[in-house]
Amino acid sequence: MKKRVSNQNKEYNKKLRAIKTLANKALKEGVKLKCSPGRKFLEDVSIGQLVKCGNSEGIVYKKTDSSVMVIVTKHNNSFTADAFYLGERRWATTSEVEVLD
């Protein structure tokens, strides 16, 4: 006995195939990130520079392949305690930051 497939299942399977094809294509080609105008990725900033990311300002002091160590010197947020965010923090290398002079 042949199983009947409804039109709804056919559309669902078609969408799944499209998603699978798109995901496989993205995995083969890799991810190409672009930074916003006026910003840099944290991996491109040299050690010792003052940077701003969101509400936090800090100084870059150590880099690894996957992260950058930053000493957060200033944090502006009206909802939380500022002291929690201060000090040594590990940020991702792909974080977009503004370099301050």
PDB file of N, CA and C in Angstrom:
ATOM      1  N   MET A   1       0.839  -1.177   0.000  1.00  0.00           N
ATOM      2  CA  MET A   1       0.000   0.000   0.000  1.00  0.00           C
ATOM      3  C   MET A   1       0.888   1.245   0.000  1.00  0.00           C
ATOM      4  N   LYS A   2       0.604   2.139  -0.894  1.00  0.00           N
ATOM      5  CA  LYS A   2       1.397   3.347  -1.042  1.00  0.00           C
ATOM      6  C   LYS A   2       0.919   4.408  -0.051  1.00  0.00           C
ATOM      7  N   LYS A   3       1.892   5.024   0.620  1.00  0.00           N
ATOM      8  CA  LYS A   3       1.572   6.055   1.597  1.00  0.00           C
ATOM      9  C   LYS A   3       1.303   7.371   0.872  1.00  0.00           C
ATOM     10  N   ARG A   4       0.220   8.008   1.241  1.00  0.00           N
ATOM     11  CA  ARG A   4      -0.135   9.281   0.635  1.00  0.00           C
ATOM     12  C   ARG A   4       0.543  10.409   1.397  1.00  0.00           C
ATOM     13  N   VAL A   5       1.139  11.314   0.677  1.00  0.00           N
ATOM     14  CA  VAL A   5       1.810  12.466   1.282  1.00  0.00           C
ATOM     15  C   VAL A   5       0.974  13.695   0.969  1.00  0.00           C
ATOM     16  N   SER A   6       0.631  14.415   2.016  1.00  0.00           N
ATOM     17  CA  SER A   6      -0.200  15.592   1.812  1.00  0.00           C
ATOM     18  C   SER A   6       0.627  16.729   1.202  1.00  0.00           C
ATOM     19  N   ASN A   7      -0.069  17.703   0.668  1.00  0.00           N
ATOM     20  CA  ASN A   7       0.607  18.868   0.093  1.00  0.00           C
ATOM     21  C   ASN A   7       1.393  19.632   1.150  1.00  0.00           C
ATOM     22  N   GLN A   8       0.872  19.654   2.359  1.00  0.00           N
ATOM     23  CA  GLN A   8       1.550  20.347   3.447  1.00  0.00           C
ATOM     24  C   GLN A   8       2.890  19.675   3.743  1.00  0.00           C
ATOM     25  N   ASN A   9       2.943  18.370   3.764  1.00  0.00           N
ATOM     26  CA  ASN A   9       4.194  17.646   3.985  1.00  0.00           C
ATOM     27  C   ASN A   9       5.181  17.869   2.840  1.00  0.00           C
ATOM     28  N   LYS A  10       4.668  17.956   1.612  1.00  0.00           N
ATOM     29  CA  LYS A  10       5.531  18.199   0.466  1.00  0.00           C
ATOM     30  C   LYS A  10       6.194  19.570   0.576  1.00  0.00           C
ATOM     31  N   GLU A  11       5.424  20.575   0.954  1.00  0.00           N
ATOM     32  CA  GLU A  11       5.978  21.923   1.121  1.00  0.00           C
ATOM     33  C   GLU A  11       6.994  21.954   2.252  1.00  0.00           C
ATOM     34  N   TYR A  12       6.702  21.253   3.333  1.00  0.00           N
ATOM     35  CA  TYR A  12       7.611  21.188   4.473  1.00  0.00           C
ATOM     36  C   TYR A  12       8.931  20.529   4.065  1.00  0.00           C
ATOM     37  N   ASN A  13       8.851  19.424   3.335  1.00  0.00           N
ATOM     38  CA  ASN A  13      10.056  18.735   2.878  1.00  0.00           C
ATOM     39  C   ASN A  13      10.863  19.600   1.911  1.00  0.00           C
ATOM     40  N   LYS A  14      10.169  20.359   1.063  1.00  0.00           N
ATOM     41  CA  LYS A  14      10.837  21.242   0.123  1.00  0.00           C
ATOM     42  C   LYS A  14      11.606  22.331   0.876  1.00  0.00           C
ATOM     43  N   LYS A  15      10.999  22.894   1.926  1.00  0.00           N
ATOM     44  CA  LYS A  15      11.664  23.914   2.735  1.00  0.00           C
ATOM     45  C   LYS A  15      12.872  23.327   3.470  1.00  0.00           C
ATOM     46  N   LEU A  16      12.726  22.106   3.983  1.00  0.00           N
ATOM     47  CA  LEU A  16      13.850  21.452   4.670  1.00  0.00           C
ATOM     48  C   LEU A  16      15.025  21.235   3.729  1.00  0.00           C
ATOM     49  N   ARG A  17      14.756  20.819   2.493  1.00  0.00           N
ATOM     50  CA  ARG A  17      15.816  20.627   1.512  1.00  0.00           C
ATOM     51  C   ARG A  17      16.515  21.943   1.189  1.00  0.00           C
ATOM     52  N   ALA A  18      15.728  23.019   1.078  1.00  0.00           N
ATOM     53  CA  ALA A  18      16.310  24.336   0.791  1.00  0.00           C
ATOM     54  C   ALA A  18      17.212  24.790   1.945  1.00  0.00           C
ATOM     55  N   ILE A  19      16.773  24.561   3.170  1.00  0.00           N
ATOM     56  CA  ILE A  19      17.574  24.926   4.343  1.00  0.00           C
ATOM     57  C   ILE A  19      18.855  24.102   4.388  1.00  0.00           C
ATOM     58  N   LYS A  20      18.750  22.816   4.107  1.00  0.00           N
ATOM     59  CA  LYS A  20      19.912  21.935   4.114  1.00  0.00           C
ATOM     60  C   LYS A  20      20.924  22.365   3.048  1.00  0.00           C
ATOM     61  N   THR A  21      20.443  22.702   1.873  1.00  0.00           N
ATOM     62  CA  THR A  21      21.317  23.156   0.795  1.00  0.00           C
ATOM     63  C   THR A  21      22.030  24.452   1.180  1.00  0.00           C
ATOM     64  N   LEU A  22      21.293  25.391   1.751  1.00  0.00           N
ATOM     65  CA  LEU A  22      21.867  26.667   2.172  1.00  0.00           C
ATOM     66  C   LEU A  22      22.915  26.471   3.270  1.00  0.00           C
ATOM     67  N   ALA A  23      22.616  25.602   4.237  1.00  0.00           N
ATOM     68  CA  ALA A  23      23.555  25.337   5.333  1.00  0.00           C
ATOM     69  C   ALA A  23      24.831  24.682   4.814  1.00  0.00           C
ATOM     70  N   ASN A  24      24.711  23.722   3.923  1.00  0.00           N
ATOM     71  CA  ASN A  24      25.887  23.068   3.356  1.00  0.00           C
ATOM     72  C   ASN A  24      26.746  24.047   2.567  1.00  0.00           C
ATOM     73  N   LYS A  25      26.114  24.936   1.825  1.00  0.00           N
ATOM     74  CA  LYS A  25      26.838  25.941   1.057  1.00  0.00           C
ATOM     75  C   LYS A  25      27.602  26.877   1.991  1.00  0.00           C
ATOM     76  N   ALA A  26      26.964  27.293   3.085  1.00  0.00           N
ATOM     77  CA  ALA A  26      27.614  28.182   4.046  1.00  0.00           C
ATOM     78  C   ALA A  26      28.792  27.491   4.725  1.00  0.00           C
ATOM     79  N   LEU A  27      28.657  26.214   5.019  1.00  0.00           N
ATOM     80  CA  LEU A  27      29.757  25.487   5.651  1.00  0.00           C
ATOM     81  C   LEU A  27      30.948  25.326   4.710  1.00  0.00           C
ATOM     82  N   LYS A  28      30.688  25.125   3.434  1.00  0.00           N
ATOM     83  CA  LYS A  28      31.778  24.966   2.466  1.00  0.00           C
ATOM     84  C   LYS A  28      32.511  26.279   2.229  1.00  0.00           C
ATOM     85  N   GLU A  29      31.777  27.368   2.086  1.00  0.00           N
ATOM     86  CA  GLU A  29      32.374  28.664   1.769  1.00  0.00           C
ATOM     87  C   GLU A  29      32.959  29.364   2.985  1.00  0.00           C
ATOM     88  N   GLY A  30      32.471  29.063   4.175  1.00  0.00           N
ATOM     89  CA  GLY A  30      32.955  29.722   5.382  1.00  0.00           C
ATOM     90  C   GLY A  30      32.244  31.040   5.617  1.00  0.00           C
ATOM     91  N   VAL A  31      32.547  31.633   6.745  1.00  0.00           N
ATOM     92  CA  VAL A  31      31.910  32.883   7.133  1.00  0.00           C
ATOM     93  C   VAL A  31      32.850  34.042   6.839  1.00  0.00           C
ATOM     94  N   LYS A  32      32.349  35.038   6.157  1.00  0.00           N
ATOM     95  CA  LYS A  32      33.134  36.231   5.861  1.00  0.00           C
ATOM     96  C   LYS A  32      32.488  37.413   6.591  1.00  0.00           C
ATOM     97  N   LEU A  33      33.138  37.860   7.654  1.00  0.00           N
ATOM     98  CA  LEU A  33      32.594  38.942   8.463  1.00  0.00           C
ATOM     99  C   LEU A  33      33.065  40.293   7.935  1.00  0.00           C
ATOM    100  N   LYS A  34      32.189  41.276   7.991  1.00  0.00           N
ATOM    101  CA  LYS A  34      32.526  42.647   7.635  1.00  0.00           C
ATOM    102  C   LYS A  34      32.192  43.543   8.817  1.00  0.00           C
ATOM    103  N   CYS A  35      33.049  44.501   9.050  1.00  0.00           N
ATOM    104  CA  CYS A  35      32.877  45.405  10.178  1.00  0.00           C
ATOM    105  C   CYS A  35      32.030  46.613   9.756  1.00  0.00           C
ATOM    106  N   SER A  36      31.340  47.207  10.715  1.00  0.00           N
ATOM    107  CA  SER A  36      30.571  48.415  10.459  1.00  0.00           C
ATOM    108  C   SER A  36      31.514  49.577  10.168  1.00  0.00           C
ATOM    109  N   PRO A  37      31.054  50.596   9.432  1.00  0.00           N
ATOM    110  CA  PRO A  37      31.909  51.751   9.149  1.00  0.00           C
ATOM    111  C   PRO A  37      32.320  52.464  10.445  1.00  0.00           C
ATOM    112  N   GLY A  38      33.583  52.822  10.529  1.00  0.00           N
ATOM    113  CA  GLY A  38      34.096  53.529  11.695  1.00  0.00           C
ATOM    114  C   GLY A  38      34.460  52.624  12.861  1.00  0.00           C
ATOM    115  N   ARG A  39      34.370  51.324  12.686  1.00  0.00           N
ATOM    116  CA  ARG A  39      34.694  50.376  13.750  1.00  0.00           C
ATOM    117  C   ARG A  39      35.742  49.390  13.253  1.00  0.00           C
ATOM    118  N   LYS A  40      36.335  48.670  14.205  1.00  0.00           N
ATOM    119  CA  LYS A  40      37.306  47.634  13.895  1.00  0.00           C
ATOM    120  C   LYS A  40      36.954  46.392  14.679  1.00  0.00           C
ATOM    121  N   PHE A  41      37.403  45.252  14.174  1.00  0.00           N
ATOM    122  CA  PHE A  41      37.297  44.043  14.974  1.00  0.00           C
ATOM    123  C   PHE A  41      38.374  44.104  16.051  1.00  0.00           C
ATOM    124  N   LEU A  42      38.091  43.545  17.192  1.00  0.00           N
ATOM    125  CA  LEU A  42      39.011  43.598  18.312  1.00  0.00           C
ATOM    126  C   LEU A  42      40.335  42.911  17.994  1.00  0.00           C
ATOM    127  N   GLU A  43      40.326  41.933  17.106  1.00  0.00           N
ATOM    128  CA  GLU A  43      41.565  41.248  16.736  1.00  0.00           C
ATOM    129  C   GLU A  43      42.504  42.152  15.950  1.00  0.00           C
ATOM    130  N   ASP A  44      41.982  43.225  15.332  1.00  0.00           N
ATOM    131  CA  ASP A  44      42.791  44.152  14.542  1.00  0.00           C
ATOM    132  C   ASP A  44      43.344  45.313  15.359  1.00  0.00           C
ATOM    133  N   VAL A  45      42.950  45.416  16.613  1.00  0.00           N
ATOM    134  CA  VAL A  45      43.399  46.504  17.485  1.00  0.00           C
ATOM    135  C   VAL A  45      44.697  46.074  18.159  1.00  0.00           C
ATOM    136  N   SER A  46      45.654  46.989  18.243  1.00  0.00           N
ATOM    137  CA  SER A  46      46.935  46.642  18.866  1.00  0.00           C
ATOM    138  C   SER A  46      46.834  46.737  20.390  1.00  0.00           C
ATOM    139  N   ILE A  47      47.755  46.060  21.053  1.00  0.00           N
ATOM    140  CA  ILE A  47      47.787  46.018  22.515  1.00  0.00           C
ATOM    141  C   ILE A  47      48.103  47.413  23.046  1.00  0.00           C
ATOM    142  N   GLY A  48      47.398  47.805  24.100  1.00  0.00           N
ATOM    143  CA  GLY A  48      47.613  49.098  24.736  1.00  0.00           C
ATOM    144  C   GLY A  48      46.653  50.180  24.292  1.00  0.00           C
ATOM    145  N   GLN A  49      45.809  49.903  23.319  1.00  0.00           N
ATOM    146  CA  GLN A  49      44.875  50.921  22.841  1.00  0.00           C
ATOM    147  C   GLN A  49      43.598  50.918  23.670  1.00  0.00           C
ATOM    148  N   LEU A  50      43.007  52.093  23.805  1.00  0.00           N
ATOM    149  CA  LEU A  50      41.744  52.276  24.515  1.00  0.00           C
ATOM    150  C   LEU A  50      40.609  52.042  23.524  1.00  0.00           C
ATOM    151  N   VAL A  51      39.660  51.164  23.886  1.00  0.00           N
ATOM    152  CA  VAL A  51      38.559  50.824  22.984  1.00  0.00           C
ATOM    153  C   VAL A  51      37.225  50.986  23.707  1.00  0.00           C
ATOM    154  N   LYS A  52      36.178  51.156  22.913  1.00  0.00           N
ATOM    155  CA  LYS A  52      34.824  51.248  23.446  1.00  0.00           C
ATOM    156  C   LYS A  52      33.959  50.222  22.735  1.00  0.00           C
ATOM    157  N   CYS A  53      33.238  49.426  23.516  1.00  0.00           N
ATOM    158  CA  CYS A  53      32.348  48.413  22.972  1.00  0.00           C
ATOM    159  C   CYS A  53      31.032  48.497  23.743  1.00  0.00           C
ATOM    160  N   GLY A  54      29.999  48.990  23.093  1.00  0.00           N
ATOM    161  CA  GLY A  54      28.718  49.138  23.787  1.00  0.00           C
ATOM    162  C   GLY A  54      28.820  50.171  24.888  1.00  0.00           C
ATOM    163  N   ASN A  55      28.528  49.756  26.132  1.00  0.00           N
ATOM    164  CA  ASN A  55      28.587  50.660  27.277  1.00  0.00           C
ATOM    165  C   ASN A  55      29.926  50.619  28.001  1.00  0.00           C
ATOM    166  N   SER A  56      30.850  49.808  27.531  1.00  0.00           N
ATOM    167  CA  SER A  56      32.114  49.607  28.242  1.00  0.00           C
ATOM    168  C   SER A  56      33.283  50.220  27.493  1.00  0.00           C
ATOM    169  N   GLU A  57      34.234  50.747  28.269  1.00  0.00           N
ATOM    170  CA  GLU A  57      35.507  51.214  27.732  1.00  0.00           C
ATOM    171  C   GLU A  57      36.606  50.443  28.422  1.00  0.00           C
ATOM    172  N   GLY A  58      37.638  50.094  27.666  1.00  0.00           N
ATOM    173  CA  GLY A  58      38.715  49.335  28.272  1.00  0.00           C
ATOM    174  C   GLY A  58      39.994  49.419  27.486  1.00  0.00           C
ATOM    175  N   ILE A  59      41.052  48.824  28.056  1.00  0.00           N
ATOM    176  CA  ILE A  59      42.368  48.813  27.452  1.00  0.00           C
ATOM    177  C   ILE A  59      42.717  47.375  27.079  1.00  0.00           C
ATOM    178  N   VAL A  60      43.113  47.166  25.836  1.00  0.00           N
ATOM    179  CA  VAL A  60      43.512  45.845  25.363  1.00  0.00           C
ATOM    180  C   VAL A  60      44.897  45.537  25.914  1.00  0.00           C
ATOM    181  N   TYR A  61      45.060  44.365  26.568  1.00  0.00           N
ATOM    182  CA  TYR A  61      46.378  44.056  27.102  1.00  0.00           C
ATOM    183  C   TYR A  61      46.897  42.666  26.779  1.00  0.00           C
ATOM    184  N   LYS A  62      46.108  41.776  26.222  1.00  0.00           N
ATOM    185  CA  LYS A  62      46.595  40.445  25.882  1.00  0.00           C
ATOM    186  C   LYS A  62      45.709  39.860  24.793  1.00  0.00           C
ATOM    187  N   LYS A  63      46.329  39.171  23.815  1.00  0.00           N
ATOM    188  CA  LYS A  63      45.572  38.564  22.725  1.00  0.00           C
ATOM    189  C   LYS A  63      45.887  37.080  22.626  1.00  0.00           C
ATOM    190  N   THR A  64      44.861  36.293  22.286  1.00  0.00           N
ATOM    191  CA  THR A  64      45.035  34.889  21.934  1.00  0.00           C
ATOM    192  C   THR A  64      44.338  34.675  20.601  1.00  0.00           C
ATOM    193  N   ASP A  65      44.325  33.446  20.112  1.00  0.00           N
ATOM    194  CA  ASP A  65      43.675  33.168  18.830  1.00  0.00           C
ATOM    195  C   ASP A  65      42.166  33.348  18.890  1.00  0.00           C
ATOM    196  N   SER A  66      41.563  33.074  20.046  1.00  0.00           N
ATOM    197  CA  SER A  66      40.111  33.072  20.139  1.00  0.00           C
ATOM    198  C   SER A  66      39.530  34.201  20.981  1.00  0.00           C
ATOM    199  N   SER A  67      40.364  34.912  21.747  1.00  0.00           N
ATOM    200  CA  SER A  67      39.827  35.968  22.593  1.00  0.00           C
ATOM    201  C   SER A  67      40.874  37.046  22.837  1.00  0.00           C
ATOM    202  N   VAL A  68      40.407  38.151  23.397  1.00  0.00           N
ATOM    203  CA  VAL A  68      41.271  39.274  23.742  1.00  0.00           C
ATOM    204  C   VAL A  68      40.962  39.657  25.180  1.00  0.00           C
ATOM    205  N   MET A  69      42.012  39.804  25.982  1.00  0.00           N
ATOM    206  CA  MET A  69      41.834  40.221  27.373  1.00  0.00           C
ATOM    207  C   MET A  69      41.817  41.744  27.424  1.00  0.00           C
ATOM    208  N   VAL A  70      40.813  42.288  28.091  1.00  0.00           N
ATOM    209  CA  VAL A  70      40.619  43.723  28.185  1.00  0.00           C
ATOM    210  C   VAL A  70      40.440  44.090  29.656  1.00  0.00           C
ATOM    211  N   ILE A  71      41.067  45.173  30.087  1.00  0.00           N
ATOM    212  CA  ILE A  71      40.810  45.705  31.419  1.00  0.00           C
ATOM    213  C   ILE A  71      39.762  46.796  31.243  1.00  0.00           C
ATOM    214  N   VAL A  72      38.558  46.542  31.730  1.00  0.00           N
ATOM    215  CA  VAL A  72      37.455  47.487  31.594  1.00  0.00           C
ATOM    216  C   VAL A  72      37.634  48.574  32.652  1.00  0.00           C
ATOM    217  N   THR A  73      37.734  49.815  32.189  1.00  0.00           N
ATOM    218  CA  THR A  73      37.973  50.943  33.083  1.00  0.00           C
ATOM    219  C   THR A  73      36.727  51.766  33.356  1.00  0.00           C
ATOM    220  N   LYS A  74      35.741  51.647  32.494  1.00  0.00           N
ATOM    221  CA  LYS A  74      34.537  52.470  32.623  1.00  0.00           C
ATOM    222  C   LYS A  74      33.352  51.714  32.062  1.00  0.00           C
ATOM    223  N   HIS A  75      32.212  51.770  32.771  1.00  0.00           N
ATOM    224  CA  HIS A  75      30.991  51.133  32.278  1.00  0.00           C
ATOM    225  C   HIS A  75      29.813  52.028  32.634  1.00  0.00           C
ATOM    226  N   ASN A  76      29.002  52.355  31.647  1.00  0.00           N
ATOM    227  CA  ASN A  76      27.840  53.226  31.856  1.00  0.00           C
ATOM    228  C   ASN A  76      26.564  52.443  31.607  1.00  0.00           C
ATOM    229  N   ASN A  77      25.828  52.175  32.679  1.00  0.00           N
ATOM    230  CA  ASN A  77      24.547  51.498  32.558  1.00  0.00           C
ATOM    231  C   ASN A  77      23.714  51.896  33.754  1.00  0.00           C
ATOM    232  N   SER A  78      22.528  52.394  33.523  1.00  0.00           N
ATOM    233  CA  SER A  78      21.689  52.875  34.620  1.00  0.00           C
ATOM    234  C   SER A  78      20.925  51.756  35.310  1.00  0.00           C
ATOM    235  N   PHE A  79      20.935  50.533  34.746  1.00  0.00           N
ATOM    236  CA  PHE A  79      20.134  49.453  35.302  1.00  0.00           C
ATOM    237  C   PHE A  79      20.897  48.517  36.227  1.00  0.00           C
ATOM    238  N   THR A  80      22.209  48.455  36.099  1.00  0.00           N
ATOM    239  CA  THR A  80      22.982  47.506  36.897  1.00  0.00           C
ATOM    240  C   THR A  80      24.108  48.208  37.625  1.00  0.00           C
ATOM    241  N   ALA A  81      24.711  47.496  38.563  1.00  0.00           N
ATOM    242  CA  ALA A  81      25.849  48.035  39.293  1.00  0.00           C
ATOM    243  C   ALA A  81      27.062  48.086  38.378  1.00  0.00           C
ATOM    244  N   ASP A  82      27.686  49.254  38.280  1.00  0.00           N
ATOM    245  CA  ASP A  82      28.818  49.430  37.380  1.00  0.00           C
ATOM    246  C   ASP A  82      30.034  48.631  37.827  1.00  0.00           C
ATOM    247  N   ALA A  83      30.237  48.439  39.120  1.00  0.00           N
ATOM    248  CA  ALA A  83      31.435  47.778  39.627  1.00  0.00           C
ATOM    249  C   ALA A  83      31.539  46.331  39.157  1.00  0.00           C
ATOM    250  N   PHE A  84      30.442  45.692  38.862  1.00  0.00           N
ATOM    251  CA  PHE A  84      30.467  44.308  38.404  1.00  0.00           C
ATOM    252  C   PHE A  84      31.219  44.155  37.090  1.00  0.00           C
ATOM    253  N   TYR A  85      31.082  45.118  36.200  1.00  0.00           N
ATOM    254  CA  TYR A  85      31.671  45.027  34.865  1.00  0.00           C
ATOM    255  C   TYR A  85      33.115  45.492  34.798  1.00  0.00           C
ATOM    256  N   LEU A  86      33.611  46.147  35.845  1.00  0.00           N
ATOM    257  CA  LEU A  86      34.967  46.671  35.825  1.00  0.00           C
ATOM    258  C   LEU A  86      35.985  45.567  36.073  1.00  0.00           C
ATOM    259  N   GLY A  87      37.195  45.783  35.583  1.00  0.00           N
ATOM    260  CA  GLY A  87      38.273  44.830  35.806  1.00  0.00           C
ATOM    261  C   GLY A  87      38.587  44.026  34.558  1.00  0.00           C
ATOM    262  N   GLU A  88      39.232  42.894  34.758  1.00  0.00           N
ATOM    263  CA  GLU A  88      39.707  42.060  33.664  1.00  0.00           C
ATOM    264  C   GLU A  88      38.557  41.267  33.051  1.00  0.00           C
ATOM    265  N   ARG A  89      38.393  41.398  31.746  1.00  0.00           N
ATOM    266  CA  ARG A  89      37.343  40.689  31.019  1.00  0.00           C
ATOM    267  C   ARG A  89      37.911  40.078  29.752  1.00  0.00           C
ATOM    268  N   ARG A  90      37.302  39.007  29.297  1.00  0.00           N
ATOM    269  CA  ARG A  90      37.692  38.333  28.054  1.00  0.00           C
ATOM    270  C   ARG A  90      36.601  38.609  27.023  1.00  0.00           C
ATOM    271  N   TRP A  91      36.992  39.258  25.932  1.00  0.00           N
ATOM    272  CA  TRP A  91      36.065  39.584  24.860  1.00  0.00           C
ATOM    273  C   TRP A  91      36.437  38.782  23.613  1.00  0.00           C
ATOM    274  N   ALA A  92      35.460  38.533  22.756  1.00  0.00           N
ATOM    275  CA  ALA A  92      35.690  37.799  21.512  1.00  0.00           C
ATOM    276  C   ALA A  92      36.494  38.641  20.530  1.00  0.00           C
ATOM    277  N   THR A  93      37.275  37.982  19.699  1.00  0.00           N
ATOM    278  CA  THR A  93      38.093  38.698  18.712  1.00  0.00           C
ATOM    279  C   THR A  93      37.246  39.345  17.626  1.00  0.00           C
ATOM    280  N   THR A  94      36.015  38.878  17.455  1.00  0.00           N
ATOM    281  CA  THR A  94      35.146  39.427  16.423  1.00  0.00           C
ATOM    282  C   THR A  94      34.219  40.519  16.963  1.00  0.00           C
ATOM    283  N   SER A  95      34.468  40.988  18.186  1.00  0.00           N
ATOM    284  CA  SER A  95      33.686  42.096  18.740  1.00  0.00           C
ATOM    285  C   SER A  95      34.019  43.367  17.964  1.00  0.00           C
ATOM    286  N   GLU A  96      32.992  44.124  17.613  1.00  0.00           N
ATOM    287  CA  GLU A  96      33.214  45.395  16.914  1.00  0.00           C
ATOM    288  C   GLU A  96      33.421  46.479  17.949  1.00  0.00           C
ATOM    289  N   VAL A  97      34.535  47.208  17.844  1.00  0.00           N
ATOM    290  CA  VAL A  97      34.871  48.233  18.819  1.00  0.00           C
ATOM    291  C   VAL A  97      35.227  49.534  18.114  1.00  0.00           C
ATOM    292  N   GLU A  98      35.104  50.634  18.857  1.00  0.00           N
ATOM    293  CA  GLU A  98      35.591  51.931  18.410  1.00  0.00           C
ATOM    294  C   GLU A  98      36.917  52.166  19.103  1.00  0.00           C
ATOM    295  N   VAL A  99      37.921  52.556  18.364  1.00  0.00           N
ATOM    296  CA  VAL A  99      39.214  52.862  18.952  1.00  0.00           C
ATOM    297  C   VAL A  99      39.195  54.312  19.386  1.00  0.00           C
ATOM    298  N   LEU A 100      39.444  54.555  20.684  1.00  0.00           N
ATOM    299  CA  LEU A 100      39.462  55.902  21.229  1.00  0.00           C
ATOM    300  C   LEU A 100      40.905  56.399  21.303  1.00  0.00           C
ATOM    301  N   ASP A 101      41.103  57.682  21.102  1.00  0.00           N
ATOM    302  CA  ASP A 101      42.461  58.250  21.179  1.00  0.00           C
ATOM    303  C   ASP A 101      42.744  58.803  22.547  1.00  0.00           C
TER     304      ASP A 101
END
